């Protein structure tokens, strides 16, 4: 009984605005300060990678399909 999680991973209730907000708050409550900093650093790296890809597409647009 006690070893079953409260909700299944990828549960559909997380696919709503309120569910996503709840999951984000729960994640914040579970993470240590160090884990939160690492999470923020990962997000910053991802944002920089998206920016670099966007700038590369702007300077070198892909060839149109045949």
PDB file of N, CA and C in Angstrom:
ATOM      1  N   UNK A   1       0.800  -1.200   0.000  1.00  0.00           N
ATOM      2  CA  UNK A   1       0.000   0.000   0.000  1.00  0.00           C
ATOM      3  C   UNK A   1       0.838   1.257   0.000  1.00  0.00           C
ATOM      4  N   UNK A   2       1.799   1.358   0.937  1.00  0.00           N
ATOM      5  CA  UNK A   2       2.572   2.572   1.074  1.00  0.00           C
ATOM      6  C   UNK A   2       3.613   2.785  -0.007  1.00  0.00           C
ATOM      7  N   UNK A   3       3.940   1.733  -0.766  1.00  0.00           N
ATOM      8  CA  UNK A   3       4.979   1.904  -1.772  1.00  0.00           C
ATOM      9  C   UNK A   3       4.437   2.339  -3.123  1.00  0.00           C
ATOM     10  N   UNK A   4       3.141   2.510  -3.284  1.00  0.00           N
ATOM     11  CA  UNK A   4       2.582   2.993  -4.548  1.00  0.00           C
ATOM     12  C   UNK A   4       2.622   4.525  -4.562  1.00  0.00           C
ATOM     13  N   UNK A   5       3.153   5.137  -5.636  1.00  0.00           N
ATOM     14  CA  UNK A   5       3.199   6.606  -5.689  1.00  0.00           C
ATOM     15  C   UNK A   5       1.797   7.191  -5.702  1.00  0.00           C
ATOM     16  N   UNK A   6       1.686   8.447  -5.272  1.00  0.00           N
ATOM     17  CA  UNK A   6       0.394   9.127  -5.246  1.00  0.00           C
ATOM     18  C   UNK A   6      -0.202   9.245  -6.638  1.00  0.00           C
ATOM     19  N   UNK A   7       0.645   9.431  -7.626  1.00  0.00           N
ATOM     20  CA  UNK A   7       0.160   9.530  -8.997  1.00  0.00           C
ATOM     21  C   UNK A   7       1.172   8.871  -9.911  1.00  0.00           C
ATOM     22  N   UNK A   8       0.685   8.383 -11.012  1.00  0.00           N
ATOM     23  CA  UNK A   8       1.542   7.734 -11.998  1.00  0.00           C
ATOM     24  C   UNK A   8       2.385   8.778 -12.715  1.00  0.00           C
ATOM     25  N   UNK A   9       3.634   8.433 -13.091  1.00  0.00           N
ATOM     26  CA  UNK A   9       4.432   9.376 -13.895  1.00  0.00           C
ATOM     27  C   UNK A   9       3.729   9.644 -15.219  1.00  0.00           C
ATOM     28  N   UNK A  10       3.695  10.899 -15.616  1.00  0.00           N
ATOM     29  CA  UNK A  10       3.052  11.267 -16.870  1.00  0.00           C
ATOM     30  C   UNK A  10       1.538  11.248 -16.796  1.00  0.00           C
ATOM     31  N   UNK A  11       0.998  11.365 -15.588  1.00  0.00           N
ATOM     32  CA  UNK A  11      -0.455  11.344 -15.432  1.00  0.00           C
ATOM     33  C   UNK A  11      -1.084  12.509 -16.185  1.00  0.00           C
ATOM     34  N   UNK A  12      -2.273  12.275 -16.692  1.00  0.00           N
ATOM     35  CA  UNK A  12      -2.932  13.282 -17.525  1.00  0.00           C
ATOM     36  C   UNK A  12      -3.308  14.530 -16.746  1.00  0.00           C
ATOM     37  N   UNK A  13      -3.475  14.432 -15.430  1.00  0.00           N
ATOM     38  CA  UNK A  13      -3.849  15.628 -14.677  1.00  0.00           C
ATOM     39  C   UNK A  13      -2.736  16.672 -14.679  1.00  0.00           C
ATOM     40  N   UNK A  14      -1.519  16.269 -15.006  1.00  0.00           N
ATOM     41  CA  UNK A  14      -0.407  17.225 -15.101  1.00  0.00           C
ATOM     42  C   UNK A  14      -0.435  17.981 -16.429  1.00  0.00           C
ATOM     43  N   UNK A  15      -1.302  17.587 -17.350  1.00  0.00           N
ATOM     44  CA  UNK A  15      -1.367  18.204 -18.679  1.00  0.00           C
ATOM     45  C   UNK A  15      -2.403  19.320 -18.733  1.00  0.00           C
ATOM     46  N   UNK A  16      -2.586  19.992 -17.619  1.00  0.00           N
ATOM     47  CA  UNK A  16      -3.454  21.164 -17.562  1.00  0.00           C
ATOM     48  C   UNK A  16      -2.634  22.292 -16.958  1.00  0.00           C
ATOM     49  N   UNK A  17      -3.145  23.530 -17.060  1.00  0.00           N
ATOM     50  CA  UNK A  17      -2.415  24.659 -16.481  1.00  0.00           C
ATOM     51  C   UNK A  17      -2.251  24.465 -14.981  1.00  0.00           C
ATOM     52  N   UNK A  18      -3.319  24.068 -14.308  1.00  0.00           N
ATOM     53  CA  UNK A  18      -3.238  23.908 -12.853  1.00  0.00           C
ATOM     54  C   UNK A  18      -2.360  22.709 -12.485  1.00  0.00           C
ATOM     55  N   UNK A  19      -2.430  21.638 -13.275  1.00  0.00           N
ATOM     56  CA  UNK A  19      -1.590  20.480 -13.004  1.00  0.00           C
ATOM     57  C   UNK A  19      -0.110  20.776 -13.204  1.00  0.00           C
ATOM     58  N   UNK A  20       0.204  21.522 -14.261  1.00  0.00           N
ATOM     59  CA  UNK A  20       1.603  21.897 -14.516  1.00  0.00           C
ATOM     60  C   UNK A  20       2.121  22.808 -13.410  1.00  0.00           C
ATOM     61  N   UNK A  21       1.279  23.734 -12.965  1.00  0.00           N
ATOM     62  CA  UNK A  21       1.672  24.646 -11.876  1.00  0.00           C
ATOM     63  C   UNK A  21       1.918  23.847 -10.599  1.00  0.00           C
ATOM     64  N   UNK A  22       1.007  22.924 -10.286  1.00  0.00           N
ATOM     65  CA  UNK A  22       1.156  22.090  -9.091  1.00  0.00           C
ATOM     66  C   UNK A  22       2.446  21.265  -9.157  1.00  0.00           C
ATOM     67  N   UNK A  23       2.717  20.664 -10.314  1.00  0.00           N
ATOM     68  CA  UNK A  23       3.929  19.859 -10.463  1.00  0.00           C
ATOM     69  C   UNK A  23       5.184  20.711 -10.302  1.00  0.00           C
ATOM     70  N   UNK A  24       5.170  21.931 -10.842  1.00  0.00           N
ATOM     71  CA  UNK A  24       6.326  22.823 -10.700  1.00  0.00           C
ATOM     72  C   UNK A  24       6.535  23.192  -9.231  1.00  0.00           C
ATOM     73  N   UNK A  25       5.454  23.461  -8.515  1.00  0.00           N
ATOM     74  CA  UNK A  25       5.568  23.791  -7.094  1.00  0.00           C
ATOM     75  C   UNK A  25       6.070  22.595  -6.282  1.00  0.00           C
ATOM     76  N   UNK A  26       5.574  21.401  -6.616  1.00  0.00           N
ATOM     77  CA  UNK A  26       6.029  20.197  -5.915  1.00  0.00           C
ATOM     78  C   UNK A  26       7.510  19.941  -6.178  1.00  0.00           C
ATOM     79  N   UNK A  27       7.951  20.148  -7.418  1.00  0.00           N
ATOM     80  CA  UNK A  27       9.361  19.966  -7.743  1.00  0.00           C
ATOM     81  C   UNK A  27      10.219  20.942  -6.944  1.00  0.00           C
ATOM     82  N   UNK A  28       9.788  22.193  -6.883  1.00  0.00           N
ATOM     83  CA  UNK A  28      10.517  23.197  -6.116  1.00  0.00           C
ATOM     84  C   UNK A  28      10.599  22.851  -4.643  1.00  0.00           C
ATOM     85  N   UNK A  29       9.553  22.253  -4.114  1.00  0.00           N
ATOM     86  CA  UNK A  29       9.547  21.882  -2.702  1.00  0.00           C
ATOM     87  C   UNK A  29      10.469  20.686  -2.437  1.00  0.00           C
ATOM     88  N   UNK A  30      10.619  19.807  -3.414  1.00  0.00           N
ATOM     89  CA  UNK A  30      11.443  18.605  -3.233  1.00  0.00           C
ATOM     90  C   UNK A  30      12.934  18.857  -3.417  1.00  0.00           C
ATOM     91  N   UNK A  31      13.303  19.802  -4.291  1.00  0.00           N
ATOM     92  CA  UNK A  31      14.709  20.001  -4.627  1.00  0.00           C
ATOM     93  C   UNK A  31      15.455  20.748  -3.530  1.00  0.00           C
ATOM     94  N   UNK A  32      16.704  20.373  -3.354  1.00  0.00           N
ATOM     95  CA  UNK A  32      17.564  21.130  -2.447  1.00  0.00           C
ATOM     96  C   UNK A  32      17.996  22.416  -3.152  1.00  0.00           C
ATOM     97  N   UNK A  33      18.609  23.322  -2.398  1.00  0.00           N
ATOM     98  CA  UNK A  33      19.073  24.579  -2.988  1.00  0.00           C
ATOM     99  C   UNK A  33      20.070  24.297  -4.106  1.00  0.00           C
ATOM    100  N   UNK A  34      20.999  23.367  -3.874  1.00  0.00           N
ATOM    101  CA  UNK A  34      22.000  23.024  -4.891  1.00  0.00           C
ATOM    102  C   UNK A  34      21.336  22.488  -6.156  1.00  0.00           C
ATOM    103  N   UNK A  35      20.334  21.615  -5.991  1.00  0.00           N
ATOM    104  CA  UNK A  35      19.629  21.065  -7.148  1.00  0.00           C
ATOM    105  C   UNK A  35      18.878  22.150  -7.914  1.00  0.00           C
ATOM    106  N   UNK A  36      18.325  23.130  -7.185  1.00  0.00           N
ATOM    107  CA  UNK A  36      17.632  24.233  -7.850  1.00  0.00           C
ATOM    108  C   UNK A  36      18.603  25.059  -8.685  1.00  0.00           C
ATOM    109  N   UNK A  37      19.793  25.317  -8.142  1.00  0.00           N
ATOM    110  CA  UNK A  37      20.804  26.072  -8.898  1.00  0.00           C
ATOM    111  C   UNK A  37      21.215  25.295 -10.147  1.00  0.00           C
ATOM    112  N   UNK A  38      21.442  23.996 -10.015  1.00  0.00           N
ATOM    113  CA  UNK A  38      21.801  23.169 -11.177  1.00  0.00           C
ATOM    114  C   UNK A  38      20.677  23.171 -12.211  1.00  0.00           C
ATOM    115  N   UNK A  39      19.424  23.107 -11.752  1.00  0.00           N
ATOM    116  CA  UNK A  39      18.279  23.130 -12.654  1.00  0.00           C
ATOM    117  C   UNK A  39      18.237  24.451 -13.413  1.00  0.00           C
ATOM    118  N   UNK A  40      18.475  25.564 -12.711  1.00  0.00           N
ATOM    119  CA  UNK A  40      18.489  26.870 -13.366  1.00  0.00           C
ATOM    120  C   UNK A  40      19.639  26.986 -14.368  1.00  0.00           C
ATOM    121  N   UNK A  41      20.808  26.455 -14.013  1.00  0.00           N
ATOM    122  CA  UNK A  41      21.946  26.488 -14.935  1.00  0.00           C
ATOM    123  C   UNK A  41      21.660  25.674 -16.189  1.00  0.00           C
ATOM    124  N   UNK A  42      21.029  24.518 -16.032  1.00  0.00           N
ATOM    125  CA  UNK A  42      20.651  23.708 -17.197  1.00  0.00           C
ATOM    126  C   UNK A  42      19.680  24.466 -18.090  1.00  0.00           C
ATOM    127  N   UNK A  43      18.718  25.149 -17.479  1.00  0.00           N
ATOM    128  CA  UNK A  43      17.760  25.943 -18.250  1.00  0.00           C
ATOM    129  C   UNK A  43      18.440  27.073 -19.002  1.00  0.00           C
ATOM    130  N   UNK A  44      19.412  27.714 -18.362  1.00  0.00           N
ATOM    131  CA  UNK A  44      20.141  28.801 -19.016  1.00  0.00           C
ATOM    132  C   UNK A  44      20.947  28.273 -20.199  1.00  0.00           C
ATOM    133  N   UNK A  45      21.582  27.101 -20.036  1.00  0.00           N
ATOM    134  CA  UNK A  45      22.328  26.492 -21.147  1.00  0.00           C
ATOM    135  C   UNK A  45      21.390  26.154 -22.310  1.00  0.00           C
ATOM    136  N   UNK A  46      20.220  25.639 -21.988  1.00  0.00           N
ATOM    137  CA  UNK A  46      19.248  25.297 -23.027  1.00  0.00           C
ATOM    138  C   UNK A  46      18.784  26.553 -23.762  1.00  0.00           C
ATOM    139  N   UNK A  47      18.519  27.615 -23.015  1.00  0.00           N
ATOM    140  CA  UNK A  47      18.101  28.879 -23.638  1.00  0.00           C
ATOM    141  C   UNK A  47      19.191  29.410 -24.566  1.00  0.00           C
ATOM    142  N   UNK A  48      20.458  29.323 -24.159  1.00  0.00           N
ATOM    143  CA  UNK A  48      21.564  29.776 -25.008  1.00  0.00           C
ATOM    144  C   UNK A  48      21.679  28.920 -26.269  1.00  0.00           C
ATOM    145  N   UNK A  49      21.454  27.613 -26.124  1.00  0.00           N
ATOM    146  CA  UNK A  49      21.517  26.732 -27.293  1.00  0.00           C
ATOM    147  C   UNK A  49      20.400  27.074 -28.278  1.00  0.00           C
ATOM    148  N   UNK A  50      19.193  27.354 -27.772  1.00  0.00           N
ATOM    149  CA  UNK A  50      18.094  27.754 -28.661  1.00  0.00           C
ATOM    150  C   UNK A  50      18.411  29.070 -29.355  1.00  0.00           C
ATOM    151  N   UNK A  51      18.986  30.008 -28.611  1.00  0.00           N
ATOM    152  CA  UNK A  51      19.330  31.303 -29.197  1.00  0.00           C
ATOM    153  C   UNK A  51      20.373  31.139 -30.291  1.00  0.00           C
ATOM    154  N   UNK A  52      21.401  30.310 -30.041  1.00  0.00           N
ATOM    155  CA  UNK A  52      22.444  30.085 -31.043  1.00  0.00           C
ATOM    156  C   UNK A  52      21.865  29.422 -32.297  1.00  0.00           C
ATOM    157  N   UNK A  53      20.965  28.462 -32.108  1.00  0.00           N
ATOM    158  CA  UNK A  53      20.355  27.791 -33.253  1.00  0.00           C
ATOM    159  C   UNK A  53      19.504  28.775 -34.057  1.00  0.00           C
ATOM    160  N   UNK A  54      18.769  29.637 -33.353  1.00  0.00           N
ATOM    161  CA  UNK A  54      17.942  30.633 -34.032  1.00  0.00           C
ATOM    162  C   UNK A  54      18.805  31.604 -34.834  1.00  0.00           C
ATOM    163  N   UNK A  55      19.907  32.057 -34.240  1.00  0.00           N
ATOM    164  CA  UNK A  55      20.807  32.973 -34.945  1.00  0.00           C
ATOM    165  C   UNK A  55      21.475  32.297 -36.130  1.00  0.00           C
ATOM    166  N   UNK A  56      21.816  31.020 -35.991  1.00  0.00           N
ATOM    167  CA  UNK A  56      22.435  30.294 -37.102  1.00  0.00           C
ATOM    168  C   UNK A  56      21.448  30.156 -38.262  1.00  0.00           C
ATOM    169  N   UNK A  57      20.179  29.876 -37.948  1.00  0.00           N
ATOM    170  CA  UNK A  57      19.165  29.783 -39.018  1.00  0.00           C
ATOM    171  C   UNK A  57      18.970  31.134 -39.695  1.00  0.00           C
ATOM    172  N   UNK A  58      19.094  32.206 -38.917  1.00  0.00           N
ATOM    173  CA  UNK A  58      18.901  33.542 -39.479  1.00  0.00           C
ATOM    174  C   UNK A  58      20.045  33.876 -40.449  1.00  0.00           C
ATOM    175  N   UNK A  59      21.286  33.491 -40.095  1.00  0.00           N
ATOM    176  CA  UNK A  59      22.438  33.827 -40.957  1.00  0.00           C
ATOM    177  C   UNK A  59      22.624  32.813 -42.072  1.00  0.00           C
ATOM    178  N   UNK A  60      22.241  31.552 -41.852  1.00  0.00           N
ATOM    179  CA  UNK A  60      22.380  30.502 -42.862  1.00  0.00           C
ATOM    180  C   UNK A  60      21.047  29.789 -43.024  1.00  0.00           C
ATOM    181  N   UNK A  61      20.086  30.393 -43.721  1.00  0.00           N
ATOM    182  CA  UNK A  61      18.778  29.736 -43.861  1.00  0.00           C
ATOM    183  C   UNK A  61      18.934  28.417 -44.601  1.00  0.00           C
ATOM    184  N   UNK A  62      18.108  27.432 -44.255  1.00  0.00           N
ATOM    185  CA  UNK A  62      18.195  26.139 -44.944  1.00  0.00           C
ATOM    186  C   UNK A  62      17.737  26.261 -46.386  1.00  0.00           C
ATOM    187  N   UNK A  63      18.241  25.353 -47.225  1.00  0.00           N
ATOM    188  CA  UNK A  63      17.824  25.321 -48.633  1.00  0.00           C
ATOM    189  C   UNK A  63      16.359  24.912 -48.703  1.00  0.00           C
ATOM    190  N   UNK A  64      15.614  25.505 -49.642  1.00  0.00           N
ATOM    191  CA  UNK A  64      14.209  25.095 -49.788  1.00  0.00           C
ATOM    192  C   UNK A  64      14.121  23.651 -50.295  1.00  0.00           C
ATOM    193  N   UNK A  65      13.065  22.968 -49.929  1.00  0.00           N
ATOM    194  CA  UNK A  65      12.921  21.576 -50.420  1.00  0.00           C
ATOM    195  C   UNK A  65      12.734  21.557 -51.929  1.00  0.00           C
ATOM    196  N   UNK A  66      13.168  20.477 -52.573  1.00  0.00           N
ATOM    197  CA  UNK A  66      13.058  20.399 -54.053  1.00  0.00           C
ATOM    198  C   UNK A  66      11.634  20.305 -54.533  1.00  0.00           C
TER     199      UNK A  66
END
